[in-house]
C-alpha atoms as a PDB file:
ATOM      1  CA  MET A   1     -21.272 -20.761 -28.240  1.00  0.00           C
ATOM      2  CA  GLN A   2     -17.670 -20.837 -26.944  1.00  0.00           C
ATOM      3  CA  ARG A   3     -17.574 -17.038 -26.832  1.00  0.00           C
ATOM      4  CA  ALA A   4     -21.031 -16.821 -25.278  1.00  0.00           C
ATOM      5  CA  LEU A   5     -19.853 -18.331 -21.985  1.00  0.00           C
ATOM      6  CA  PRO A   6     -17.161 -15.687 -21.205  1.00  0.00           C
ATOM      7  CA  ILE A   7     -19.589 -12.921 -22.178  1.00  0.00           C
ATOM      8  CA  GLY A   8     -22.256 -14.439 -19.946  1.00  0.00           C
ATOM      9  CA  LEU A   9     -19.800 -14.657 -17.047  1.00  0.00           C
ATOM     10  CA  ALA A  10     -18.820 -11.001 -17.485  1.00  0.00           C
ATOM     11  CA  LEU A  11     -22.500 -10.000 -17.494  1.00  0.00           C
ATOM     12  CA  ALA A  12     -23.090 -12.088 -14.356  1.00  0.00           C
ATOM     13  CA  ALA A  13     -20.163 -10.332 -12.659  1.00  0.00           C
ATOM     14  CA  LEU A  14     -21.654  -6.943 -13.478  1.00  0.00           C
ATOM     15  CA  ALA A  15     -25.025  -8.092 -12.153  1.00  0.00           C
ATOM     16  CA  PHE A  16     -23.505  -9.237  -8.835  1.00  0.00           C
ATOM     17  CA  VAL A  17     -21.577  -6.003  -8.313  1.00  0.00           C
ATOM     18  CA  ALA A  18     -24.503  -3.793  -9.358  1.00  0.00           C
ATOM     19  CA  ALA A  19     -27.000  -5.665  -7.172  1.00  0.00           C
ATOM     20  CA  ALA A  20     -24.678  -5.509  -4.154  1.00  0.00           C
ATOM     21  CA  GLY A  21     -24.046  -1.795  -4.632  1.00  0.00           C
ATOM     22  CA  ALA A  22     -27.728  -0.980  -5.145  1.00  0.00           C
ATOM     23  CA  TRP A  23     -28.754  -2.965  -2.065  1.00  0.00           C
ATOM     24  CA  ALA A  24     -26.109  -1.295   0.112  1.00  0.00           C
ATOM     25  CA  ALA A  25     -27.045   2.179  -1.138  1.00  0.00           C
ATOM     26  CA  CYS A  26     -30.786   1.624  -0.552  1.00  0.00           C
ATOM     27  CA  SER A  27     -30.260   0.159   2.918  1.00  0.00           C
ATOM     28  CA  ASP A  28     -28.553   3.326   4.191  1.00  0.00           C
ATOM     29  CA  ALA A  29     -26.101   1.121   6.064  1.00  0.00           C
ATOM     30  CA  PRO A  30     -23.548   3.148   8.070  1.00  0.00           C
ATOM     31  CA  TRP A  31     -20.684   0.995   6.799  1.00  0.00           C
ATOM     32  CA  PHE A  32     -21.457   1.942   3.177  1.00  0.00           C
ATOM     33  CA  ASP A  33     -19.252   5.024   3.382  1.00  0.00           C
ATOM     34  CA  ALA A  34     -17.248   6.874   0.737  1.00  0.00           C
ATOM     35  CA  THR A  35     -14.645   4.079   0.584  1.00  0.00           C
ATOM     36  CA  ALA A  36     -17.275   1.375   0.084  1.00  0.00           C
ATOM     37  CA  ARG A  37     -19.025   3.460  -2.593  1.00  0.00           C
ATOM     38  CA  ALA A  38     -15.724   3.961  -4.389  1.00  0.00           C
ATOM     39  CA  LEU A  39     -15.078   0.206  -4.276  1.00  0.00           C
ATOM     40  CA  SER A  40     -18.502  -0.548  -5.738  1.00  0.00           C
ATOM     41  CA  LEU A  41     -17.952   1.985  -8.512  1.00  0.00           C
ATOM     42  CA  GLY A  42     -14.455   0.690  -9.214  1.00  0.00           C
ATOM     43  CA  LEU A  43     -15.641  -2.910  -9.431  1.00  0.00           C
ATOM     44  CA  GLY A  44     -18.426  -1.846 -11.771  1.00  0.00           C
ATOM     45  CA  LEU A  45     -15.882  -0.193 -14.057  1.00  0.00           C
ATOM     46  CA  LEU A  46     -13.677  -3.285 -13.842  1.00  0.00           C
ATOM     47  CA  GLY A  47     -16.590  -5.504 -14.855  1.00  0.00           C
ATOM     48  CA  ALA A  48     -17.567  -3.198 -17.719  1.00  0.00           C
ATOM     49  CA  THR A  49     -13.966  -3.139 -18.974  1.00  0.00           C
ATOM     50  CA  ALA A  50     -13.782  -6.936 -18.834  1.00  0.00           C
ATOM     51  CA  LEU A  51     -17.064  -7.217 -20.759  1.00  0.00           C
ATOM     52  CA  VAL A  52     -15.777  -4.925 -23.529  1.00  0.00           C
ATOM     53  CA  LEU A  53     -12.491  -6.840 -23.799  1.00  0.00           C
ATOM     54  CA  VAL A  54     -14.289 -10.183 -23.948  1.00  0.00           C
ATOM     55  CA  ILE A  55     -16.712  -8.961 -26.608  1.00  0.00           C
ATOM     56  CA  CYS A  56     -13.849  -7.472 -28.665  1.00  0.00           C
ATOM     57  CA  ASP A  57     -11.846 -10.677 -28.044  1.00  0.00           C
ATOM     58  CA  ARG A  58      -8.569  -8.882 -27.345  1.00  0.00           C
ATOM     59  CA  PRO A  59      -6.217 -11.416 -25.687  1.00  0.00           C
ATOM     60  CA  GLY A  60      -3.378  -9.007 -24.881  1.00  0.00           C
ATOM     61  CA  PRO A  61      -5.439  -6.499 -22.863  1.00  0.00           C
ATOM     62  CA  ARG A  62      -7.306  -9.384 -21.212  1.00  0.00           C
ATOM     63  CA  VAL A  63      -4.036 -10.842 -19.918  1.00  0.00           C
ATOM     64  CA  VAL A  64      -2.899  -7.404 -18.714  1.00  0.00           C
ATOM     65  CA  LEU A  65      -6.144  -6.898 -16.794  1.00  0.00           C
ATOM     66  CA  VAL A  66      -5.827 -10.330 -15.158  1.00  0.00           C
ATOM     67  CA  LEU A  67      -2.223  -9.528 -14.201  1.00  0.00           C
ATOM     68  CA  LEU A  68      -3.375  -6.311 -12.529  1.00  0.00           C
ATOM     69  CA  MET A  69      -6.051  -8.238 -10.627  1.00  0.00           C
ATOM     70  CA  MET A  70      -3.510 -10.861  -9.540  1.00  0.00           C
ATOM     71  CA  ALA A  71      -1.141  -8.126  -8.378  1.00  0.00           C
ATOM     72  CA  MET A  72      -3.822  -6.644  -6.136  1.00  0.00           C
ATOM     73  CA  VAL A  73      -3.863  -9.787  -3.950  1.00  0.00           C
ATOM     74  CA  PRO A  74      -0.321  -9.442  -2.528  1.00  0.00           C
ATOM     75  CA  VAL A  75      -0.748  -5.642  -2.456  1.00  0.00           C
ATOM     76  CA  ALA A  76      -3.887  -6.017  -0.317  1.00  0.00           C
ATOM     77  CA  ARG A  77      -2.133  -8.475   1.979  1.00  0.00           C
ATOM     78  CA  VAL A  78       0.867  -6.199   2.482  1.00  0.00           C
ATOM     79  CA  ALA A  79      -1.480  -3.258   3.117  1.00  0.00           C
ATOM     80  CA  GLU A  80      -3.313  -5.283   5.771  1.00  0.00           C
ATOM     81  CA  ARG A  81      -0.007  -6.153   7.403  1.00  0.00           C
ATOM     82  CA  VAL A  82       0.853  -2.452   7.599  1.00  0.00           C
ATOM     83  CA  ARG A  83      -2.505  -0.832   8.344  1.00  0.00           C
ATOM     84  CA  GLY A  84      -4.602  -3.646   9.817  1.00  0.00           C
ATOM     85  CA  ASP A  85      -7.404  -5.776   8.386  1.00  0.00           C
ATOM     86  CA  PHE A  86      -9.829  -4.239   5.910  1.00  0.00           C
ATOM     87  CA  ALA A  87     -13.413  -4.835   7.047  1.00  0.00           C
ATOM     88  CA  TRP A  88     -14.698  -4.970   3.475  1.00  0.00           C
ATOM     89  CA  LEU A  89     -12.325  -7.766   2.453  1.00  0.00           C
ATOM     90  CA  GLN A  90     -13.694 -11.246   3.157  1.00  0.00           C
ATOM     91  CA  TRP A  91     -10.908 -13.826   3.185  1.00  0.00           C
ATOM     92  CA  GLU A  92      -9.094 -16.014   5.661  1.00  0.00           C
ATOM     93  CA  ARG A  93      -6.412 -14.038   7.454  1.00  0.00           C
ATOM     94  CA  GLY A  94      -3.148 -15.345   8.852  1.00  0.00           C
ATOM     95  CA  PRO A  95      -1.060 -17.994   7.066  1.00  0.00           C
ATOM     96  CA  ILE A  96      -3.807 -18.749   4.532  1.00  0.00           C
ATOM     97  CA  ALA A  97      -3.885 -15.136   3.339  1.00  0.00           C
ATOM     98  CA  ASP A  98      -0.084 -15.156   3.050  1.00  0.00           C
ATOM     99  CA  VAL A  99      -0.164 -18.355   0.983  1.00  0.00           C
ATOM    100  CA  THR A 100      -2.930 -16.916  -1.197  1.00  0.00           C
ATOM    101  CA  ALA A 101      -0.818 -13.834  -1.893  1.00  0.00           C
ATOM    102  CA  CYS A 102       2.182 -16.014  -2.815  1.00  0.00           C
ATOM    103  CA  VAL A 103       0.084 -18.206  -5.117  1.00  0.00           C
ATOM    104  CA  ALA A 104      -1.360 -15.135  -6.853  1.00  0.00           C
ATOM    105  CA  THR A 105       2.185 -13.837  -7.397  1.00  0.00           C
ATOM    106  CA  LEU A 106       3.288 -17.173  -8.881  1.00  0.00           C
ATOM    107  CA  ALA A 107       0.211 -17.210 -11.120  1.00  0.00           C
ATOM    108  CA  ALA A 108       1.055 -13.719 -12.373  1.00  0.00           C
ATOM    109  CA  ILE A 109       4.601 -14.822 -13.190  1.00  0.00           C
ATOM    110  CA  GLY A 110       3.219 -17.860 -15.018  1.00  0.00           C
ATOM    111  CA  LEU A 111       0.828 -15.711 -17.032  1.00  0.00           C
ATOM    112  CA  LEU A 112       3.668 -13.406 -18.039  1.00  0.00           C
ATOM    113  CA  ARG A 113       5.604 -16.428 -19.295  1.00  0.00           C
ATOM    114  CA  ARG A 114       2.500 -17.769 -21.063  1.00  0.00           C
ATOM    115  CA  TRP A 115       2.476 -21.038 -19.111  1.00  0.00           C
ATOM    116  CA  SER A 116      -0.639 -23.075 -19.775  1.00  0.00           C
ATOM    117  CA  TRP A 117      -0.599 -24.222 -16.135  1.00  0.00           C
ATOM    118  CA  ALA A 118      -0.950 -20.620 -14.988  1.00  0.00           C
ATOM    119  CA  ARG A 119      -4.148 -20.195 -16.984  1.00  0.00           C
ATOM    120  CA  TRP A 120      -5.579 -23.481 -15.709  1.00  0.00           C
ATOM    121  CA  GLY A 121      -4.659 -22.481 -12.155  1.00  0.00           C
ATOM    122  CA  VAL A 122      -6.414 -19.121 -12.492  1.00  0.00           C
ATOM    123  CA  LEU A 123      -9.498 -20.853 -13.890  1.00  0.00           C
ATOM    124  CA  ALA A 124      -9.529 -23.369 -11.028  1.00  0.00           C
ATOM    125  CA  GLY A 125      -8.995 -20.632  -8.454  1.00  0.00           C
ATOM    126  CA  GLY A 126     -11.691 -18.473 -10.003  1.00  0.00           C
ATOM    127  CA  ALA A 127     -14.226 -21.298 -10.009  1.00  0.00           C
ATOM    128  CA  CYS A 128     -13.344 -22.139  -6.399  1.00  0.00           C
ATOM    129  CA  GLY A 129     -13.733 -18.488  -5.443  1.00  0.00           C
ATOM    130  CA  VAL A 130     -17.143 -18.159  -7.091  1.00  0.00           C
ATOM    131  CA  ALA A 131     -18.453 -21.281  -5.356  1.00  0.00           C
ATOM    132  CA  SER A 132     -17.020 -20.237  -1.988  1.00  0.00           C
ATOM    133  CA  MET A 133     -18.381 -16.685  -2.134  1.00  0.00           C
ATOM    134  CA  LEU A 134     -21.814 -17.856  -3.300  1.00  0.00           C
ATOM    135  CA  LEU A 135     -22.112 -20.449  -0.538  1.00  0.00           C
ATOM    136  CA  ASN A 136     -20.977 -17.958   2.111  1.00  0.00           C
ATOM    137  CA  GLY A 137     -23.191 -15.251   0.667  1.00  0.00           C
ATOM    138  CA  ILE A 138     -26.263 -17.477   0.717  1.00  0.00           C
ATOM    139  CA  GLY A 139     -25.515 -18.321   4.324  1.00  0.00           C
ATOM    140  CA  SER A 140     -25.452 -14.615   5.239  1.00  0.00           C
ATOM    141  CA  LEU A 141     -28.802 -13.761   3.605  1.00  0.00           C
ATOM    142  CA  SER A 142     -30.745 -14.477   6.800  1.00  0.00           C
ATOM    143  CA  ALA A 143     -29.194 -11.327   8.280  1.00  0.00           C
ATOM    144  CA  PRO A 144     -27.559  -9.435   5.389  1.00  0.00           C
ATOM    145  CA  ASP A 145     -24.792  -7.024   6.334  1.00  0.00           C
ATOM    146  CA  MET A 146     -21.432  -5.826   5.083  1.00  0.00           C
ATOM    147  CA  SER A 147     -20.214  -9.389   4.672  1.00  0.00           C
ATOM    148  CA  THR A 148     -23.064 -10.110   2.233  1.00  0.00           C
ATOM    149  CA  TRP A 149     -22.029  -7.109   0.145  1.00  0.00           C
ATOM    150  CA  SER A 150     -18.392  -8.250   0.234  1.00  0.00           C
ATOM    151  CA  TYR A 151     -19.249 -11.831  -0.758  1.00  0.00           C
ATOM    152  CA  ALA A 152     -21.232 -10.586  -3.782  1.00  0.00           C
ATOM    153  CA  ASN A 153     -18.401  -8.300  -4.863  1.00  0.00           C
ATOM    154  CA  GLU A 154     -15.763 -10.990  -4.492  1.00  0.00           C
ATOM    155  CA  ALA A 155     -17.925 -13.455  -6.420  1.00  0.00           C
ATOM    156  CA  GLY A 156     -18.069 -10.798  -9.138  1.00  0.00           C
ATOM    157  CA  ILE A 157     -14.274 -10.472  -9.117  1.00  0.00           C
ATOM    158  CA  CYS A 158     -13.865 -14.239  -9.531  1.00  0.00           C
ATOM    159  CA  LEU A 159     -16.429 -14.257 -12.361  1.00  0.00           C
ATOM    160  CA  ILE A 160     -14.427 -11.517 -14.080  1.00  0.00           C
ATOM    161  CA  LEU A 161     -11.283 -13.663 -13.837  1.00  0.00           C
ATOM    162  CA  LEU A 162     -13.128 -16.604 -15.392  1.00  0.00           C
ATOM    163  CA  ALA A 163     -14.578 -14.436 -18.164  1.00  0.00           C
ATOM    164  CA  LEU A 164     -11.170 -12.976 -19.035  1.00  0.00           C
ATOM    165  CA  MET A 165      -9.345 -16.322 -19.109  1.00  0.00           C
ATOM    166  CA  MET A 166     -11.966 -18.520 -20.780  1.00  0.00           C
ATOM    167  CA  GLY A 167     -12.646 -19.014 -24.467  1.00  0.00           C
ATOM    168  CA  PRO A 168     -10.793 -20.412 -27.488  1.00  0.00           C
ATOM    169  CA  THR A 169      -8.735 -17.252 -27.980  1.00  0.00           C
ATOM    170  CA  MET A 170      -7.200 -17.423 -24.514  1.00  0.00           C
ATOM    171  CA  ALA A 171      -6.733 -21.180 -24.816  1.00  0.00           C
ATOM    172  CA  GLY A 172      -4.726 -20.497 -27.967  1.00  0.00           C
ATOM    173  CA  VAL A 173      -2.549 -17.914 -26.222  1.00  0.00           C
ATOM    174  CA  PHE A 174      -1.654 -20.368 -23.455  1.00  0.00           C
ATOM    175  CA  MET A 175      -1.597 -23.499 -25.620  1.00  0.00           C
ATOM    176  CA  PRO A 176       1.065 -26.018 -24.544  1.00  0.00           C
ATOM    177  CA  ALA A 177       3.831 -26.676 -27.052  1.00  0.00           C
ATOM    178  CA  ALA A 178       2.808 -29.040 -29.839  1.00  0.00           C
ATOM    179  CA  GLU A 179       5.275 -31.663 -28.638  1.00  0.00           C
ATOM    180  CA  SER A 180       3.931 -31.524 -25.087  1.00  0.00           C
ATOM    181  CA  PRO A 181       1.683 -34.434 -24.071  1.00  0.00           C
ATOM    182  CA  TRP A 182      -0.594 -31.886 -22.380  1.00  0.00           C
ATOM    183  CA  ALA A 183      -1.514 -30.559 -25.827  1.00  0.00           C
ATOM    184  CA  SER A 184      -3.097 -33.926 -26.639  1.00  0.00           C
ATOM    185  CA  ARG A 185      -6.876 -34.220 -26.907  1.00  0.00           C
ATOM    186  CA  ASP A 186      -6.737 -37.820 -25.708  1.00  0.00           C
ATOM    187  CA  PRO A 187      -9.550 -38.453 -23.179  1.00  0.00           C
ATOM    188  CA  LEU A 188      -7.048 -39.615 -20.553  1.00  0.00           C
ATOM    189  CA  VAL A 189      -4.951 -36.441 -20.863  1.00  0.00           C
ATOM    190  CA  ARG A 190      -8.067 -34.296 -20.740  1.00  0.00           C
ATOM    191  CA  GLY A 191      -9.175 -36.218 -17.658  1.00  0.00           C
ATOM    192  CA  LEU A 192      -5.852 -35.529 -15.964  1.00  0.00           C
ATOM    193  CA  ARG A 193      -6.178 -31.824 -16.749  1.00  0.00           C
ATOM    194  CA  TRP A 194      -9.622 -31.783 -15.132  1.00  0.00           C
ATOM    195  CA  THR A 195      -8.277 -33.756 -12.184  1.00  0.00           C
ATOM    196  CA  ILE A 196      -5.461 -31.278 -11.644  1.00  0.00           C
ATOM    197  CA  GLY A 197      -7.798 -28.296 -11.900  1.00  0.00           C
ATOM    198  CA  SER A 198     -10.327 -29.685  -9.438  1.00  0.00           C
ATOM    199  CA  SER A 199      -7.531 -30.780  -7.115  1.00  0.00           C
ATOM    200  CA  VAL A 200      -6.130 -27.237  -7.013  1.00  0.00           C
ATOM    201  CA  ALA A 201      -9.498 -26.020  -5.717  1.00  0.00           C
ATOM    202  CA  ALA A 202      -9.652 -28.913  -3.249  1.00  0.00           C
ATOM    203  CA  ILE A 203      -6.165 -28.125  -1.906  1.00  0.00           C
ATOM    204  CA  ALA A 204      -7.222 -24.562  -1.131  1.00  0.00           C
ATOM    205  CA  MET A 205     -10.285 -25.708   0.814  1.00  0.00           C
ATOM    206  CA  LEU A 206      -8.346 -28.468   2.585  1.00  0.00           C
ATOM    207  CA  GLY A 207      -5.920 -25.847   3.843  1.00  0.00           C
ATOM    208  CA  ILE A 208      -8.663 -23.504   5.007  1.00  0.00           C
ATOM    209  CA  TYR A 209     -10.462 -26.362   6.740  1.00  0.00           C
ATOM    210  CA  ALA A 210      -7.384 -27.677   8.531  1.00  0.00           C
ATOM    211  CA  LEU A 211      -5.910 -24.331   9.578  1.00  0.00           C
ATOM    212  CA  ALA A 212      -8.942 -22.109  10.105  1.00  0.00           C
ATOM    213  CA  GLN A 213     -12.152 -24.092  10.536  1.00  0.00           C
ATOM    214  CA  PRO A 214     -11.624 -27.734  11.586  1.00  0.00           C
ATOM    215  CA  VAL A 215     -15.215 -28.520  12.576  1.00  0.00           C
ATOM    216  CA  VAL A 216     -14.052 -32.096  13.225  1.00  0.00           C
ATOM    217  CA  PRO A 217     -10.571 -31.754  14.787  1.00  0.00           C
ATOM    218  CA  ALA A 218      -9.914 -35.476  14.305  1.00  0.00           C
ATOM    219  CA  THR A 219      -9.797 -34.986  10.513  1.00  0.00           C
ATOM    220  CA  ALA A 220      -7.758 -31.744  10.462  1.00  0.00           C
ATOM    221  CA  ASN A 221      -4.349 -33.427  10.222  1.00  0.00           C
ATOM    222  CA  ALA A 222      -5.616 -35.810   7.545  1.00  0.00           C
ATOM    223  CA  ALA A 223      -6.898 -32.857   5.507  1.00  0.00           C
ATOM    224  CA  LEU A 224      -3.574 -31.033   5.754  1.00  0.00           C
ATOM    225  CA  SER A 225      -1.612 -34.170   4.850  1.00  0.00           C
ATOM    226  CA  LEU A 226      -3.887 -34.849   1.888  1.00  0.00           C
ATOM    227  CA  ALA A 227      -3.399 -31.271   0.676  1.00  0.00           C
ATOM    228  CA  GLY A 228       0.366 -31.796   0.750  1.00  0.00           C
ATOM    229  CA  VAL A 229       0.150 -35.096  -1.131  1.00  0.00           C
ATOM    230  CA  LEU A 230      -2.116 -33.557  -3.786  1.00  0.00           C
ATOM    231  CA  ALA A 231       0.231 -30.594  -4.218  1.00  0.00           C
ATOM    232  CA  LEU A 232       3.232 -32.915  -4.621  1.00  0.00           C
ATOM    233  CA  ALA A 233       1.329 -35.100  -7.089  1.00  0.00           C
ATOM    234  CA  ILE A 234       0.377 -32.056  -9.192  1.00  0.00           C
ATOM    235  CA  LEU A 235       4.012 -30.946  -9.226  1.00  0.00           C
ATOM    236  CA  LEU A 236       5.084 -34.410 -10.383  1.00  0.00           C
ATOM    237  CA  CYS A 237       2.403 -34.371 -13.079  1.00  0.00           C
ATOM    238  CA  THR A 238       3.711 -31.105 -14.479  1.00  0.00           C
ATOM    239  CA  VAL A 239       7.091 -32.786 -15.070  1.00  0.00           C
ATOM    240  CA  ARG A 240       5.323 -35.692 -16.818  1.00  0.00           C
ATOM    241  CA  SER A 241       5.751 -38.247 -14.058  1.00  0.00           C
ATOM    242  CA  LEU A 242       3.500 -41.297 -14.319  1.00  0.00           C
ATOM    243  CA  ALA A 243       3.931 -41.821 -10.575  1.00  0.00           C
ATOM    244  CA  GLY A 244       2.582 -38.293 -10.047  1.00  0.00           C
ATOM    245  CA  ALA A 245      -0.527 -39.086 -12.078  1.00  0.00           C
ATOM    246  CA  MET A 246      -1.137 -42.273 -10.121  1.00  0.00           C
ATOM    247  CA  VAL A 247      -0.624 -40.575  -6.744  1.00  0.00           C
ATOM    248  CA  LEU A 248      -2.914 -37.745  -7.833  1.00  0.00           C
ATOM    249  CA  VAL A 249      -5.691 -40.170  -8.686  1.00  0.00           C
ATOM    250  CA  LEU A 250      -5.299 -42.119  -5.436  1.00  0.00           C
ATOM    251  CA  ALA A 251      -5.075 -38.992  -3.268  1.00  0.00           C
ATOM    252  CA  GLY A 252      -7.985 -37.416  -5.093  1.00  0.00           C
ATOM    253  CA  SER A 253     -10.070 -40.495  -4.446  1.00  0.00           C
ATOM    254  CA  GLY A 254      -9.035 -40.196  -0.797  1.00  0.00           C
ATOM    255  CA  LEU A 255     -10.991 -36.934  -0.739  1.00  0.00           C
ATOM    256  CA  LEU A 256     -14.182 -38.984  -0.886  1.00  0.00           C
ATOM    257  CA  VAL A 257     -13.108 -40.951   2.200  1.00  0.00           C
ATOM    258  CA  LEU A 258     -12.192 -37.742   4.030  1.00  0.00           C
ATOM    259  CA  THR A 259     -15.520 -36.161   3.099  1.00  0.00           C
ATOM    260  CA  ALA A 260     -17.572 -39.120   4.306  1.00  0.00           C
ATOM    261  CA  THR A 261     -15.615 -39.317   7.565  1.00  0.00           C
ATOM    262  CA  THR A 262     -15.902 -35.585   8.242  1.00  0.00           C
ATOM    263  CA  VAL A 263     -19.633 -35.433   7.515  1.00  0.00           C
ATOM    264  CA  VAL A 264     -20.410 -38.488   9.692  1.00  0.00           C
ATOM    265  CA  LEU A 265     -18.332 -37.228  12.615  1.00  0.00           C
ATOM    266  CA  ALA A 266     -19.827 -33.739  12.257  1.00  0.00           C
ATOM    267  CA  HIS A 267     -23.308 -35.210  12.641  1.00  0.00           C
ATOM    268  CA  ARG A 268     -22.193 -37.120  15.751  1.00  0.00           C
ATOM    269  CA  THR A 269     -21.072 -33.937  17.534  1.00  0.00           C
ATOM    270  CA  GLY A 270     -24.679 -32.948  18.175  1.00  0.00           C
ATOM    271  CA  ASP A 271     -23.961 -29.389  16.965  1.00  0.00           C
ATOM    272  CA  ALA A 272     -26.589 -28.487  14.356  1.00  0.00           C
ATOM    273  CA  LEU A 273     -24.217 -26.050  12.595  1.00  0.00           C
ATOM    274  CA  LYS A 274     -21.255 -28.364  12.099  1.00  0.00           C
ATOM    275  CA  PRO A 275     -22.899 -30.684   9.516  1.00  0.00           C
ATOM    276  CA  TRP A 276     -23.708 -27.622   7.401  1.00  0.00           C
ATOM    277  CA  ILE A 277     -20.113 -26.414   7.582  1.00  0.00           C
ATOM    278  CA  ALA A 278     -18.879 -29.899   6.680  1.00  0.00           C
ATOM    279  CA  SER A 279     -21.261 -29.896   3.709  1.00  0.00           C
ATOM    280  CA  TYR A 280     -19.754 -26.589   2.584  1.00  0.00           C
ATOM    281  CA  TYR A 281     -16.305 -28.184   2.311  1.00  0.00           C
ATOM    282  CA  ALA A 282     -17.803 -31.319   0.766  1.00  0.00           C
ATOM    283  CA  ALA A 283     -19.001 -29.128  -2.123  1.00  0.00           C
ATOM    284  CA  PHE A 284     -15.331 -28.699  -3.090  1.00  0.00           C
ATOM    285  CA  TRP A 285     -13.894 -32.058  -2.099  1.00  0.00           C
ATOM    286  CA  VAL A 286     -16.502 -34.360  -3.656  1.00  0.00           C
ATOM    287  CA  PRO A 287     -16.225 -33.055  -7.268  1.00  0.00           C
ATOM    288  CA  ALA A 288     -12.428 -33.390  -7.133  1.00  0.00           C
ATOM    289  CA  GLY A 289     -12.752 -36.903  -5.714  1.00  0.00           C
ATOM    290  CA  VAL A 290     -15.277 -38.006  -8.333  1.00  0.00           C
ATOM    291  CA  ILE A 291     -13.181 -36.593 -11.190  1.00  0.00           C
ATOM    292  CA  SER A 292     -10.080 -38.307  -9.789  1.00  0.00           C
ATOM    293  CA  LEU A 293     -11.933 -41.600  -9.523  1.00  0.00           C
ATOM    294  CA  ALA A 294     -13.180 -41.330 -13.122  1.00  0.00           C
ATOM    295  CA  THR A 295      -9.664 -40.522 -14.349  1.00  0.00           C
ATOM    296  CA  GLY A 296      -8.303 -43.503 -12.419  1.00  0.00           C
ATOM    297  CA  VAL A 297     -10.787 -45.798 -14.136  1.00  0.00           C
ATOM    298  CA  ALA A 298      -9.724 -44.366 -17.502  1.00  0.00           C
ATOM    299  CA  MET A 299      -6.068 -45.031 -16.629  1.00  0.00           C
ATOM    300  CA  LEU A 300      -6.822 -48.698 -15.997  1.00  0.00           C
ATOM    301  CA  ARG A 301      -7.865 -49.329 -19.595  1.00  0.00           C
ATOM    302  CA  PRO A 302      -4.457 -48.807 -21.291  1.00  0.00           C
ATOM    303  CA  LEU A 303      -2.759 -50.592 -18.380  1.00  0.00           C
ATOM    304  CA  ARG A 304      -5.087 -53.570 -18.815  1.00  0.00           C
ATOM    305  CA  ALA A 305      -4.416 -53.619 -22.560  1.00  0.00           C
ATOM    306  CA  LEU A 306      -0.654 -53.506 -21.940  1.00  0.00           C
ATOM    307  CA  TRP A 307      -0.936 -56.347 -19.427  1.00  0.00           C
ATOM    308  CA  ARG A 308      -2.799 -58.524 -21.930  1.00  0.00           C
ATOM    309  CA  ARG A 309      -0.169 -57.911 -24.638  1.00  0.00           C
ATOM    310  CA  THR A 310       2.685 -58.872 -22.338  1.00  0.00           C
ATOM    311  CA  ALA A 311       0.929 -61.825 -20.699  1.00  0.00           C
END
């Protein structure tokens, strides 16, 4: 069952890429030129390669393929800086694209050093990417065009990342040291790992919201500040700081307050589109907030027990 999920994700990636390519080819769209056809073919080969590696359960080649995919992010960004934006690439340009390229580079370095945090970060980023591309792709189906094709392909790329990095074999490759508290299977530690992973995805969407699409300008600064607090809390958690864990839980719970405020104010603008956009960001903020809240409740139990023993 544990191996079935990565295989299923690889098959889903192939399905997305194949469906997007077939639709574009049948539509005779002028933008589906030789470059776009080559991209579709290349992504199909990438998905097929990932499927074979997952089925064969070869951790070394899987890591190498992920490293190559991570390297393509800063390469694409540098190429855009030199030659101009690529129409077939759907991502936020400007500072967000630069930060994304830097994060991908750091993730690649972490994977080379076999850091467990690098794997968890790639998984969180991949899940965030799949959700984002699917939501954007669904929104473009009313008038499908090149962006629809790009969203499907990029969802496929993120699914490939998830397929390559998931499973017990890859977990074993990036297993924290036995003496590390992060290797524990204690429910509280597992909750913190989930909180960190969901918070990584939330940070990305907080940044995009604040810098690129603040549908409610009054909450833009709060979103950016919350992203900074979450990032600092995650950093403190990685060095085993209890204060970092507590700040992470509190800031994560603050996502629920930010979501409610943004959605309510978006409805009050009178713009029919803004509540939908706010709901898009809520799809990333609410899960992180709920997980943080649940982890916070779990943290109260040992603290309550300690209080009773010392009272």
